[in-house]
């Protein structure tokens, strides 16, 4: 550095080190001493070497991670067996790709059959709705006929015809008139008796008796009074008869006429009474018939007016029952929003079966179920799982703990795929899984981790929260939480094993 500094000194210019303007003995460069350019070249070479070293260290680190992962996956299996297994799996993959080539045609046929099934279902629903409306109209007419029959039966009562009932009512009315007339006569008699009693009381007082009872005690006996009253009555009757005979000049003319036919007059009177009763009954029956005819006309008009309203009401009610899942013509009690969600659920199940097939080694397949729920509960969003070992579907709650975990994981991954597709291709970059790995056996755990590794290969970040030691050999980048009395610490581990 002194030689390089001396090379820049000039007389009269201050030294940048001591400030002197004179330079008596400037330092001289030694033989082979490197220059500034040599230092810069060496420094550039050094930086290049450091970059090469970092790249080699990164490659080494990646190779170590791959070696640790391969060691964890392979275990104690020899390399020859692994190569054989790789060739077998490659062959199986080729066969699977060949079989999948025909899947498009089968799916098109399946979509066509689904469309035909949907059209047939809609036609059946429309026919069922029309039949229900006609049955309801028939029931309404039957009820109206029953009500009219009941009214006629009530009007007839216990009589064979309505006219007979009207005749009896007319005769009852005549009897009531006679009874009312007798009641009025009785009131007149009572009034007369009261008046006569008052007169008798005044007469008794005029004769010197304080009360009517004292006057009655002084009266003659009942037998004597009865005999006297009979004589008086006979005398009055005889007097009246004779007076009438004497005062009526027509009796002489009547005496000259032949005797009257009393039986014929009585018969004519009876015939006239019967004709009057028949005429009154016919008039009442005609009046009631006209009233019933007017009521029937009003009823028909009301039915014609209400029929369109009833049809509109039935249509609106049927539509509301279909939307709420309460329609008797619906195969399942499924609401409209449940029907829409069922379509999305089928897409989720289709996407989930891709991962579930790998995790279960082709044993389980999820499917959407719209079977009728028990006790009239809402249906349409059910799930069932088909076991290829038995060939029969069963409920998802019959799965074991580990099977339930990877089935739920498959549904979560399927849902993420469907959401990504519906969001216009915007991916869900990060997925966290909390526990559940402890319920898996070693083979199933490896299959689940293979599926998660495939997600990482598609630029997704998968976070696993677990205490299972086996995961340490498969997951190279880990955040280890250590608890202590002073608090928790977080350590970033990048090696495949501690």
Protein backbone atom coordinates (compact mmCIF):
# COMPACT_ATOMS: atom_id res chain seq x y z
CA UNK A 1 0.00 0.00 0.00
CA UNK A 2 3.00 2.41 0.76
CA UNK A 3 4.44 1.79 -2.71
CA UNK A 4 1.05 2.41 -4.31
CA UNK A 5 0.69 5.63 -2.27
CA UNK A 6 4.25 6.76 -3.19
CA UNK A 7 3.46 6.30 -6.86
CA UNK A 8 0.77 8.95 -6.58
CA UNK A 9 2.94 11.60 -4.73
CA UNK A 10 4.08 14.77 -6.53
CA UNK A 11 6.23 17.61 -5.23
CA UNK A 12 4.25 20.47 -3.77
CA UNK A 13 1.17 18.28 -3.20
CA UNK A 14 0.40 17.33 0.44
CA UNK A 15 0.82 13.71 1.36
CA UNK A 16 -2.63 12.18 2.15
CA UNK A 17 -1.03 10.41 5.15
CA UNK A 18 1.32 12.99 6.89
CA UNK A 19 0.32 16.20 5.07
CA UNK A 20 3.93 17.11 4.06
CA UNK A 21 4.46 18.79 0.70
CA UNK A 22 8.03 17.39 0.40
CA UNK A 23 8.62 13.69 -0.21
CA UNK A 24 12.34 12.96 0.42
CA UNK A 25 12.23 9.15 0.49
CA UNK A 26 9.12 7.74 -1.12
CA UNK A 27 8.70 3.97 -0.79
CA UNK A 28 9.63 1.81 -3.72
CA UNK A 29 7.67 -1.19 -4.99
CA UNK A 30 9.20 -4.62 -4.36
CA UNK A 31 9.82 -7.07 -7.12
CA UNK A 32 6.66 -9.03 -8.03
CA UNK A 33 4.47 -6.85 -5.81
CA UNK A 34 0.75 -7.09 -6.98
CA UNK A 35 -0.85 -4.01 -8.33
CA UNK A 36 -4.38 -2.64 -7.63
CA UNK A 37 -5.55 -4.28 -10.85
CA UNK A 38 -4.14 -7.59 -9.65
CA UNK A 39 -6.05 -7.19 -6.37
CA UNK A 40 -9.31 -6.40 -8.19
CA UNK A 41 -8.85 -9.40 -10.48
CA UNK A 42 -8.15 -11.61 -7.48
CA UNK A 43 -11.17 -10.27 -5.62
CA UNK A 44 -13.41 -10.92 -8.68
CA UNK A 45 -12.02 -14.44 -8.90
CA UNK A 46 -12.71 -14.90 -5.19
CA UNK A 47 -16.35 -13.76 -5.56
CA UNK A 48 -16.82 -16.12 -8.50
CA UNK A 49 -15.44 -18.98 -6.40
CA UNK A 50 -17.79 -18.09 -3.54
CA UNK A 51 -20.77 -18.13 -5.95
CA UNK A 52 -19.70 -21.50 -7.29
CA UNK A 53 -19.33 -22.76 -3.71
CA UNK A 54 -22.87 -21.57 -2.79
CA UNK A 55 -24.35 -23.23 -5.87
CA UNK A 56 -22.54 -26.45 -5.05
CA UNK A 57 -23.72 -26.23 -1.41
CA UNK A 58 -27.34 -25.73 -2.57
CA UNK A 59 -27.06 -28.71 -4.92
CA UNK A 60 -25.50 -30.73 -2.10
CA UNK A 61 -28.28 -29.72 0.27
CA UNK A 62 -30.94 -30.70 -2.28
CA UNK A 63 -29.22 -34.03 -2.88
CA UNK A 64 -29.08 -34.62 0.87
CA UNK A 65 -32.79 -33.86 1.19
CA UNK A 66 -33.60 -36.17 -1.73
CA UNK A 67 -31.34 -38.84 -0.24
CA UNK A 68 -33.06 -38.46 3.17
CA UNK A 69 -36.49 -38.57 1.56
CA UNK A 70 -35.59 -41.57 -0.55
CA UNK A 71 -34.11 -43.29 2.51
CA UNK A 72 -37.30 -42.57 4.49
CA UNK A 73 -39.52 -43.87 1.71
CA UNK A 74 -37.41 -46.87 0.78
CA UNK A 75 -36.48 -47.95 4.28
CA UNK A 76 -34.42 -51.13 4.13
CA UNK A 77 -35.60 -52.11 0.61
CA UNK A 78 -32.68 -52.90 -1.76
CA UNK A 79 -32.13 -50.74 -4.81
CA UNK A 80 -32.78 -53.67 -7.16
CA UNK A 81 -36.25 -54.19 -5.70
CA UNK A 82 -36.98 -50.47 -5.96
CA UNK A 83 -35.98 -50.46 -9.62
CA UNK A 84 -38.19 -53.48 -10.29
CA UNK A 85 -41.10 -51.81 -8.52
CA UNK A 86 -40.47 -48.63 -10.56
CA UNK A 87 -40.69 -50.61 -13.83
CA UNK A 88 -43.91 -52.32 -12.64
CA UNK A 89 -45.52 -49.02 -11.66
CA UNK A 90 -44.50 -47.48 -15.01
CA UNK A 91 -46.20 -50.35 -16.83
CA UNK A 92 -49.34 -49.99 -14.71
CA UNK A 93 -49.37 -46.23 -15.41
CA UNK A 94 -49.18 -46.88 -19.17
CA UNK A 95 -52.08 -49.34 -18.96
CA UNK A 96 -54.13 -46.89 -16.90
CA UNK A 97 -53.51 -44.13 -19.46
CA UNK A 98 -54.62 -46.47 -22.26
CA UNK A 99 -57.83 -47.33 -20.40
CA UNK A 100 -58.48 -43.66 -19.69
CA UNK A 101 -58.37 -42.87 -23.42
CA UNK A 102 -61.89 -44.32 -23.83
CA UNK A 103 -63.27 -42.46 -20.83
CA UNK A 104 -64.37 -39.40 -22.86
CA UNK A 105 -66.82 -41.42 -25.05
CA UNK A 106 -68.29 -43.15 -22.00
CA UNK A 107 -68.71 -39.83 -20.21
CA UNK A 108 -70.51 -38.32 -23.25
CA UNK A 109 -72.92 -41.28 -23.31
CA UNK A 110 -73.44 -40.92 -19.56
CA UNK A 111 -74.23 -37.20 -19.94
CA UNK A 112 -76.74 -38.00 -22.71
CA UNK A 113 -78.47 -40.61 -20.53
CA UNK A 114 -78.52 -38.15 -17.61
CA UNK A 115 -80.23 -35.53 -19.82
CA UNK A 116 -82.86 -38.06 -20.96
CA UNK A 117 -83.45 -39.11 -17.34
CA UNK A 118 -83.90 -35.46 -16.29
CA UNK A 119 -86.43 -34.84 -19.10
CA UNK A 120 -88.41 -37.97 -18.17
CA UNK A 121 -88.37 -36.89 -14.51
CA UNK A 122 -89.73 -33.43 -15.42
CA UNK A 123 -92.52 -34.97 -17.54
CA UNK A 124 -93.43 -37.29 -14.68
CA UNK A 125 -93.52 -34.37 -12.22
CA UNK A 126 -95.77 -32.33 -14.58
CA UNK A 127 -98.18 -35.26 -15.03
CA UNK A 128 -98.26 -35.90 -11.29
CA UNK A 129 -99.03 -32.21 -10.61
CA UNK A 130 -101.91 -32.25 -13.15
CA UNK A 131 -103.35 -35.43 -11.63
CA UNK A 132 -103.18 -33.90 -8.15
CA UNK A 133 -105.07 -30.78 -9.38
CA UNK A 134 -107.81 -32.90 -11.01
CA UNK A 135 -108.12 -35.07 -7.89
CA UNK A 136 -108.48 -31.94 -5.76
CA UNK A 137 -111.20 -30.57 -8.11
CA UNK A 138 -113.05 -33.90 -8.00
CA UNK A 139 -112.87 -33.95 -4.20
CA UNK A 140 -114.24 -30.38 -4.07
CA UNK A 141 -117.23 -31.26 -6.30
CA UNK A 142 -117.89 -34.40 -4.26
CA UNK A 143 -117.89 -32.35 -1.07
CA UNK A 144 -120.34 -29.82 -2.59
CA UNK A 145 -122.66 -32.66 -3.68
CA UNK A 146 -122.52 -34.13 -0.17
CA UNK A 147 -123.38 -30.75 1.38
CA UNK A 148 -126.41 -30.25 -0.96
CA UNK A 149 -127.62 -33.79 -0.25
CA UNK A 150 -127.29 -33.15 3.47
CA UNK A 151 -129.34 -29.94 3.15
CA UNK A 152 -132.10 -31.78 1.26
CA UNK A 153 -132.07 -34.59 3.81
CA UNK A 154 -132.33 -32.06 6.64
CA UNK A 155 -135.22 -30.30 4.86
CA UNK A 156 -137.07 -33.62 4.35
CA UNK A 157 -136.47 -34.82 7.93
CA UNK A 158 -138.22 -38.08 8.75
CA UNK A 159 -140.78 -37.63 5.91
CA UNK A 160 -140.56 -39.46 2.57
CA UNK A 161 -140.69 -36.18 0.60
CA UNK A 162 -140.24 -32.47 1.14
CA UNK A 163 -143.93 -31.91 0.19
CA UNK A 164 -145.05 -34.29 2.95
CA UNK A 165 -142.89 -32.39 5.42
CA UNK A 166 -144.45 -29.10 4.22
CA UNK A 167 -147.99 -30.57 4.68
CA UNK A 168 -147.20 -31.58 8.22
CA UNK A 169 -145.78 -28.14 8.94
CA UNK A 170 -148.97 -26.53 7.56
CA UNK A 171 -151.16 -28.72 9.79
CA UNK A 172 -148.92 -27.88 12.75
CA UNK A 173 -149.33 -24.17 11.94
CA UNK A 174 -153.15 -24.58 11.88
CA UNK A 175 -153.04 -26.26 15.26
CA UNK A 176 -150.88 -23.46 16.59
CA UNK A 177 -153.42 -20.93 15.31
CA UNK A 178 -156.23 -22.81 17.10
CA UNK A 179 -154.12 -22.96 20.25
CA UNK A 180 -153.43 -19.20 20.05
CA UNK A 181 -157.18 -18.53 19.58
CA UNK A 182 -157.97 -20.68 22.62
CA UNK A 183 -155.30 -18.84 24.59
CA UNK A 184 -156.89 -15.49 23.65
CA UNK A 185 -160.32 -16.79 24.67
CA UNK A 186 -158.90 -17.96 27.97
CA UNK A 187 -157.44 -14.50 28.59
CA UNK A 188 -160.88 -12.96 27.91
CA UNK A 189 -162.51 -15.43 30.31
CA UNK A 190 -159.92 -14.66 32.98
CA UNK A 191 -160.49 -10.93 32.48
CA UNK A 192 -164.25 -11.44 32.71
CA UNK A 193 -163.84 -13.52 35.84
CA UNK A 194 -161.76 -10.80 37.41
CA UNK A 195 -164.36 -8.20 36.49
CA UNK A 196 -167.17 -10.34 37.82
CA UNK A 197 -165.22 -10.94 41.03
CA UNK A 198 -164.82 -7.20 41.48
CA UNK A 199 -168.54 -6.70 40.89
CA UNK A 200 -169.34 -9.47 43.34
CA UNK A 201 -167.13 -7.83 45.95
CA UNK A 202 -168.91 -4.48 45.48
CA UNK A 203 -172.28 -6.20 45.65
CA UNK A 204 -171.26 -7.98 48.86
CA UNK A 205 -170.29 -4.67 50.43
CA UNK A 206 -173.61 -3.18 49.32
CA UNK A 207 -175.41 -6.05 51.10
CA UNK A 208 -173.50 -5.37 54.34
CA UNK A 209 -170.66 -7.89 54.05
CA UNK A 210 -167.13 -6.63 54.59
CA UNK A 211 -165.50 -9.20 52.34
CA UNK A 212 -166.50 -11.49 49.52
CA UNK A 213 -165.69 -14.49 51.69
CA UNK A 214 -168.29 -13.46 54.30
CA UNK A 215 -170.79 -13.03 51.51
CA UNK A 216 -169.91 -16.48 50.15
CA UNK A 217 -170.47 -18.01 53.58
CA UNK A 218 -173.96 -16.56 53.60
CA UNK A 219 -174.68 -18.00 50.15
CA UNK A 220 -176.71 -21.09 49.55
CA UNK A 221 -175.07 -24.48 49.25
CA UNK A 222 -173.44 -25.51 46.04
CA UNK A 223 -176.20 -27.96 45.19
CA UNK A 224 -178.91 -25.32 45.74
CA UNK A 225 -176.97 -22.76 43.72
CA UNK A 226 -176.38 -25.31 40.98
CA UNK A 227 -180.08 -26.12 40.81
CA UNK A 228 -181.03 -22.45 40.75
CA UNK A 229 -178.36 -21.72 38.07
CA UNK A 230 -179.64 -24.57 35.95
CA UNK A 231 -183.19 -23.29 36.18
CA UNK A 232 -182.04 -19.77 35.32
CA UNK A 233 -179.99 -21.09 32.43
CA UNK A 234 -182.85 -23.17 31.09
CA UNK A 235 -185.20 -20.22 31.40
CA UNK A 236 -182.75 -17.93 29.58
CA UNK A 237 -182.21 -20.44 26.82
CA UNK A 238 -185.90 -20.98 26.40
CA UNK A 239 -186.47 -17.28 26.44
CA UNK A 240 -183.75 -16.67 23.88
CA UNK A 241 -185.05 -19.45 21.66
CA UNK A 242 -188.54 -18.26 21.78
CA UNK A 243 -187.45 -14.65 21.25
CA UNK A 244 -185.36 -15.66 18.25
CA UNK A 245 -188.28 -17.55 16.80
CA UNK A 246 -190.58 -14.70 17.37
CA UNK A 247 -188.14 -12.05 16.07
CA UNK A 248 -186.94 -13.94 12.91
CA UNK A 249 -189.49 -13.68 10.06
CA UNK A 250 -187.40 -15.91 7.81
CA UNK A 251 -188.13 -18.93 9.91
CA UNK A 252 -191.53 -19.18 8.39
CA UNK A 253 -189.97 -19.26 4.95
CA UNK A 254 -187.37 -21.81 6.14
CA UNK A 255 -190.07 -23.96 7.60
CA UNK A 256 -191.66 -24.15 4.20
CA UNK A 257 -188.36 -25.35 2.63
CA UNK A 258 -187.32 -29.04 2.56
CA UNK A 259 -184.92 -30.34 5.22
CA UNK A 260 -181.15 -29.66 4.68
CA UNK A 261 -178.65 -32.52 3.88
CA UNK A 262 -176.22 -32.26 6.81
CA UNK A 263 -173.95 -35.15 5.70
CA UNK A 264 -173.39 -33.69 2.22
CA UNK A 265 -172.56 -30.29 3.68
CA UNK A 266 -170.09 -31.88 6.09
CA UNK A 267 -168.43 -33.81 3.24
CA UNK A 268 -168.22 -30.67 1.08
CA UNK A 269 -166.62 -28.81 3.99
CA UNK A 270 -164.03 -31.59 4.45
CA UNK A 271 -163.25 -31.63 0.70
CA UNK A 272 -162.79 -27.86 0.71
CA UNK A 273 -160.44 -28.12 3.71
CA UNK A 274 -158.35 -30.79 1.93
CA UNK A 275 -158.10 -28.67 -1.22
CA UNK A 276 -157.00 -25.69 0.82
CA UNK A 277 -154.28 -27.78 2.57
CA UNK A 278 -153.03 -29.17 -0.77
CA UNK A 279 -152.91 -25.69 -2.29
CA UNK A 280 -151.00 -24.32 0.70
CA UNK A 281 -148.50 -27.24 0.57
CA UNK A 282 -148.00 -26.80 -3.18
CA UNK A 283 -147.43 -23.08 -2.77
CA UNK A 284 -144.86 -23.66 0.00
CA UNK A 285 -143.09 -26.37 -2.01
CA UNK A 286 -142.96 -24.10 -5.09
CA UNK A 287 -141.49 -21.29 -3.01
CA UNK A 288 -138.84 -23.60 -1.54
CA UNK A 289 -138.07 -25.03 -5.00
CA UNK A 290 -137.51 -21.55 -6.40
CA UNK A 291 -135.26 -20.71 -3.43
CA UNK A 292 -133.21 -23.90 -3.97
CA UNK A 293 -132.93 -23.15 -7.70
CA UNK A 294 -131.64 -19.64 -6.93
CA UNK A 295 -129.14 -21.06 -4.43
CA UNK A 296 -127.92 -23.63 -6.98
CA UNK A 297 -127.44 -20.85 -9.56
CA UNK A 298 -125.50 -18.74 -7.03
CA UNK A 299 -123.41 -21.80 -6.12
CA UNK A 300 -122.53 -22.47 -9.77
CA UNK A 301 -121.55 -18.82 -10.26
CA UNK A 302 -119.39 -18.92 -7.13
CA UNK A 303 -117.72 -22.14 -8.32
CA UNK A 304 -117.01 -20.62 -11.76
CA UNK A 305 -115.58 -17.49 -10.13
CA UNK A 306 -113.43 -19.37 -7.61
CA UNK A 307 -112.19 -22.09 -9.97
CA UNK A 308 -109.46 -19.97 -11.70
CA UNK A 309 -108.38 -18.61 -8.32
CA UNK A 310 -108.22 -22.13 -6.93
CA UNK A 311 -106.16 -23.34 -9.88
CA UNK A 312 -103.74 -20.41 -9.48
CA UNK A 313 -103.55 -21.12 -5.76
CA UNK A 314 -102.84 -24.80 -6.39
CA UNK A 315 -100.11 -23.93 -8.89
CA UNK A 316 -98.48 -21.42 -6.50
CA UNK A 317 -98.77 -23.83 -3.60
CA UNK A 318 -97.27 -26.68 -5.64
CA UNK A 319 -94.37 -24.43 -6.69
CA UNK A 320 -93.82 -23.32 -3.07
CA UNK A 321 -93.87 -26.95 -1.89
CA UNK A 322 -91.34 -27.88 -4.57
CA UNK A 323 -89.04 -25.02 -3.50
CA UNK A 324 -89.30 -25.90 0.22
CA UNK A 325 -89.08 -29.65 -0.38
CA UNK A 326 -92.57 -30.41 1.01
CA UNK A 327 -94.32 -31.41 -2.22
CA UNK A 328 -95.97 -34.88 -2.10
CA UNK A 329 -94.97 -35.37 -5.75
CA UNK A 330 -91.26 -34.86 -4.97
CA UNK A 331 -89.22 -38.03 -4.62
CA UNK A 332 -87.13 -36.62 -1.77
CA UNK A 333 -87.71 -33.73 0.69
CA UNK A 334 -85.05 -31.49 -0.90
CA UNK A 335 -85.16 -27.70 -0.81
CA UNK A 336 -84.19 -25.64 -3.86
CA UNK A 337 -80.94 -24.42 -2.32
CA UNK A 338 -80.14 -28.01 -1.32
CA UNK A 339 -80.76 -29.07 -4.93
CA UNK A 340 -78.28 -26.45 -6.18
CA UNK A 341 -75.73 -27.44 -3.53
CA UNK A 342 -76.19 -31.10 -4.47
CA UNK A 343 -74.88 -30.34 -7.96
CA UNK A 344 -71.80 -28.67 -6.45
CA UNK A 345 -71.44 -31.59 -4.01
CA UNK A 346 -71.33 -34.02 -6.91
CA UNK A 347 -68.45 -32.02 -8.45
CA UNK A 348 -66.64 -32.02 -5.08
CA UNK A 349 -67.15 -35.80 -4.73
CA UNK A 350 -65.83 -36.40 -8.27
CA UNK A 351 -62.70 -34.35 -7.51
CA UNK A 352 -62.30 -36.00 -4.07
CA UNK A 353 -62.41 -39.55 -5.48
CA UNK A 354 -59.21 -38.83 -7.43
CA UNK A 355 -57.22 -38.54 -4.16
CA UNK A 356 -59.33 -41.07 -2.22
CA UNK A 357 -58.62 -43.71 -4.87
CA UNK A 358 -54.87 -43.27 -4.25
CA UNK A 359 -55.09 -43.14 -0.44
CA UNK A 360 -57.32 -46.23 -0.18
CA UNK A 361 -55.53 -48.17 -2.96
CA UNK A 362 -58.71 -48.16 -5.02
CA UNK A 363 -60.89 -49.61 -2.26
CA UNK A 364 -63.23 -46.70 -1.46
CA UNK A 365 -65.29 -44.43 -3.72
CA UNK A 366 -67.42 -41.56 -2.45
CA UNK A 367 -70.81 -40.85 -4.03
CA UNK A 368 -73.58 -38.31 -3.53
CA UNK A 369 -76.80 -39.72 -2.03
CA UNK A 370 -80.26 -38.17 -2.21
CA UNK A 371 -82.10 -41.00 -0.47
CA UNK A 372 -85.07 -40.12 1.73
CA UNK A 373 -83.88 -39.28 5.25
CA UNK A 374 -85.37 -41.00 8.30
CA UNK A 375 -88.40 -39.54 10.15
CA UNK A 376 -89.16 -37.02 7.39
CA UNK A 377 -85.85 -35.09 7.81
CA UNK A 378 -84.41 -32.94 5.03
CA UNK A 379 -82.50 -34.94 2.40
CA UNK A 380 -80.48 -34.38 -0.74
CA UNK A 381 -76.98 -33.64 0.66
CA UNK A 382 -76.03 -37.10 1.87
CA UNK A 383 -72.80 -39.00 1.24
CA UNK A 384 -72.18 -42.69 1.01
CA UNK A 385 -69.04 -44.68 0.33
CA UNK A 386 -68.71 -47.78 -1.82
CA UNK A 387 -66.34 -50.50 -0.67
CA UNK A 388 -64.91 -52.36 -3.69
CA UNK A 389 -64.09 -55.34 -1.47
CA UNK A 390 -67.78 -55.96 -0.76
CA UNK A 391 -69.29 -54.17 -3.77
CA UNK A 392 -71.92 -52.52 -1.57
CA UNK A 393 -72.40 -48.89 -0.56
CA UNK A 394 -72.47 -48.02 3.14
CA UNK A 395 -72.74 -44.96 5.35
CA UNK A 396 -69.67 -42.82 5.97
CA UNK A 397 -70.07 -43.08 9.76
CA UNK A 398 -69.10 -46.77 9.52
CA UNK A 399 -65.52 -45.84 8.53
CA UNK A 400 -62.70 -46.21 11.03
CA UNK A 401 -60.78 -43.23 12.42
CA UNK A 402 -58.02 -43.39 9.82
CA UNK A 403 -60.45 -44.01 6.96
CA UNK A 404 -62.59 -41.08 8.08
CA UNK A 405 -59.48 -38.87 8.12
CA UNK A 406 -58.30 -39.51 4.59
CA UNK A 407 -61.92 -39.44 3.33
CA UNK A 408 -62.32 -35.99 4.92
CA UNK A 409 -58.94 -34.94 3.51
CA UNK A 410 -60.03 -36.06 0.04
CA UNK A 411 -63.22 -34.00 0.31
CA UNK A 412 -61.24 -30.95 1.45
CA UNK A 413 -58.85 -31.27 -1.50
CA UNK A 414 -61.78 -31.83 -3.89
CA UNK A 415 -63.50 -28.74 -2.53
CA UNK A 416 -60.31 -26.72 -3.08
CA UNK A 417 -60.17 -27.89 -6.71
CA UNK A 418 -63.83 -27.00 -7.33
CA UNK A 419 -63.40 -23.57 -5.71
CA UNK A 420 -60.30 -22.96 -7.85
CA UNK A 421 -62.26 -23.88 -10.98
CA UNK A 422 -65.25 -21.70 -10.01
CA UNK A 423 -62.94 -18.76 -9.15
CA UNK A 424 -61.74 -18.55 -12.73
CA UNK A 425 -58.55 -20.52 -12.15
CA UNK A 426 -57.29 -18.54 -9.15
CA UNK A 427 -55.51 -21.23 -7.12
CA UNK A 428 -55.69 -21.86 -3.38
CA UNK A 429 -51.95 -21.74 -2.80
CA UNK A 430 -51.85 -22.75 0.87
CA UNK A 431 -53.48 -25.66 2.73
CA UNK A 432 -53.10 -26.47 6.47
CA UNK A 433 -53.97 -29.86 7.96
CA UNK A 434 -54.31 -30.09 11.75
CA UNK A 435 -53.74 -33.52 13.31
CA UNK A 436 -55.48 -36.74 12.23
CA UNK A 437 -52.28 -38.46 11.09
CA UNK A 438 -52.03 -40.39 14.35
CA UNK A 439 -55.06 -42.50 13.33
CA UNK A 440 -53.30 -43.82 10.18
CA UNK A 441 -51.21 -46.95 9.89
CA UNK A 442 -47.75 -46.74 8.33
CA UNK A 443 -48.77 -47.75 4.79
CA UNK A 444 -51.79 -45.42 4.71
CA UNK A 445 -49.67 -42.59 6.12
CA UNK A 446 -47.20 -42.95 3.24
CA UNK A 447 -50.04 -42.87 0.68
CA UNK A 448 -51.52 -39.73 2.24
CA UNK A 449 -48.11 -38.04 2.23
CA UNK A 450 -47.64 -39.01 -1.42
CA UNK A 451 -50.88 -37.19 -2.26
CA UNK A 452 -49.72 -34.13 -0.31
CA UNK A 453 -46.35 -34.25 -2.10
CA UNK A 454 -48.23 -34.23 -5.41
CA UNK A 455 -49.90 -30.98 -4.31
CA UNK A 456 -46.49 -29.47 -3.61
CA UNK A 457 -45.44 -30.45 -7.10
CA UNK A 458 -48.24 -28.23 -8.43
CA UNK A 459 -46.91 -25.13 -6.61
CA UNK A 460 -49.08 -25.48 -3.52
CA UNK A 461 -47.89 -24.99 0.02
CA UNK A 462 -49.11 -27.69 2.42
CA UNK A 463 -48.74 -27.12 6.17
CA UNK A 464 -49.10 -30.13 8.51
CA UNK A 465 -49.65 -29.70 12.26
CA UNK A 466 -48.87 -33.02 13.92
CA UNK A 467 -46.91 -34.85 16.64
CA UNK A 468 -46.35 -38.04 14.59
CA UNK A 469 -42.56 -38.82 14.52
CA UNK A 470 -42.82 -40.53 11.11
CA UNK A 471 -43.61 -37.17 9.50
CA UNK A 472 -40.15 -35.85 10.45
CA UNK A 473 -38.50 -38.16 7.90
CA UNK A 474 -40.82 -37.09 5.09
CA UNK A 475 -41.13 -33.34 5.74
CA UNK A 476 -37.81 -31.57 5.26
CA UNK A 477 -38.85 -28.02 6.15
CA UNK A 478 -40.29 -27.91 9.65
CA UNK A 479 -41.10 -25.34 12.33
CA UNK A 480 -40.48 -26.94 15.71
CA UNK A 481 -42.16 -25.35 18.75
CA UNK A 482 -40.38 -25.92 22.06
CA UNK A 483 -42.14 -25.06 25.30
CA UNK A 484 -40.31 -23.88 28.43
CA UNK A 485 -41.19 -22.05 31.67
CA UNK A 486 -39.86 -18.84 30.12
CA UNK A 487 -42.10 -19.20 27.06
CA UNK A 488 -42.21 -20.99 23.72
CA UNK A 489 -39.49 -20.82 21.06
CA UNK A 490 -39.71 -21.54 17.36
CA UNK A 491 -36.93 -23.34 15.48
CA UNK A 492 -36.70 -23.67 11.70
CA UNK A 493 -35.43 -27.15 10.79
CA UNK A 494 -34.49 -27.95 7.22
CA UNK A 495 -32.83 -31.33 7.57
CA UNK A 496 -34.74 -34.51 6.93
CA UNK A 497 -34.00 -35.80 10.42
CA UNK A 498 -32.99 -34.14 13.66
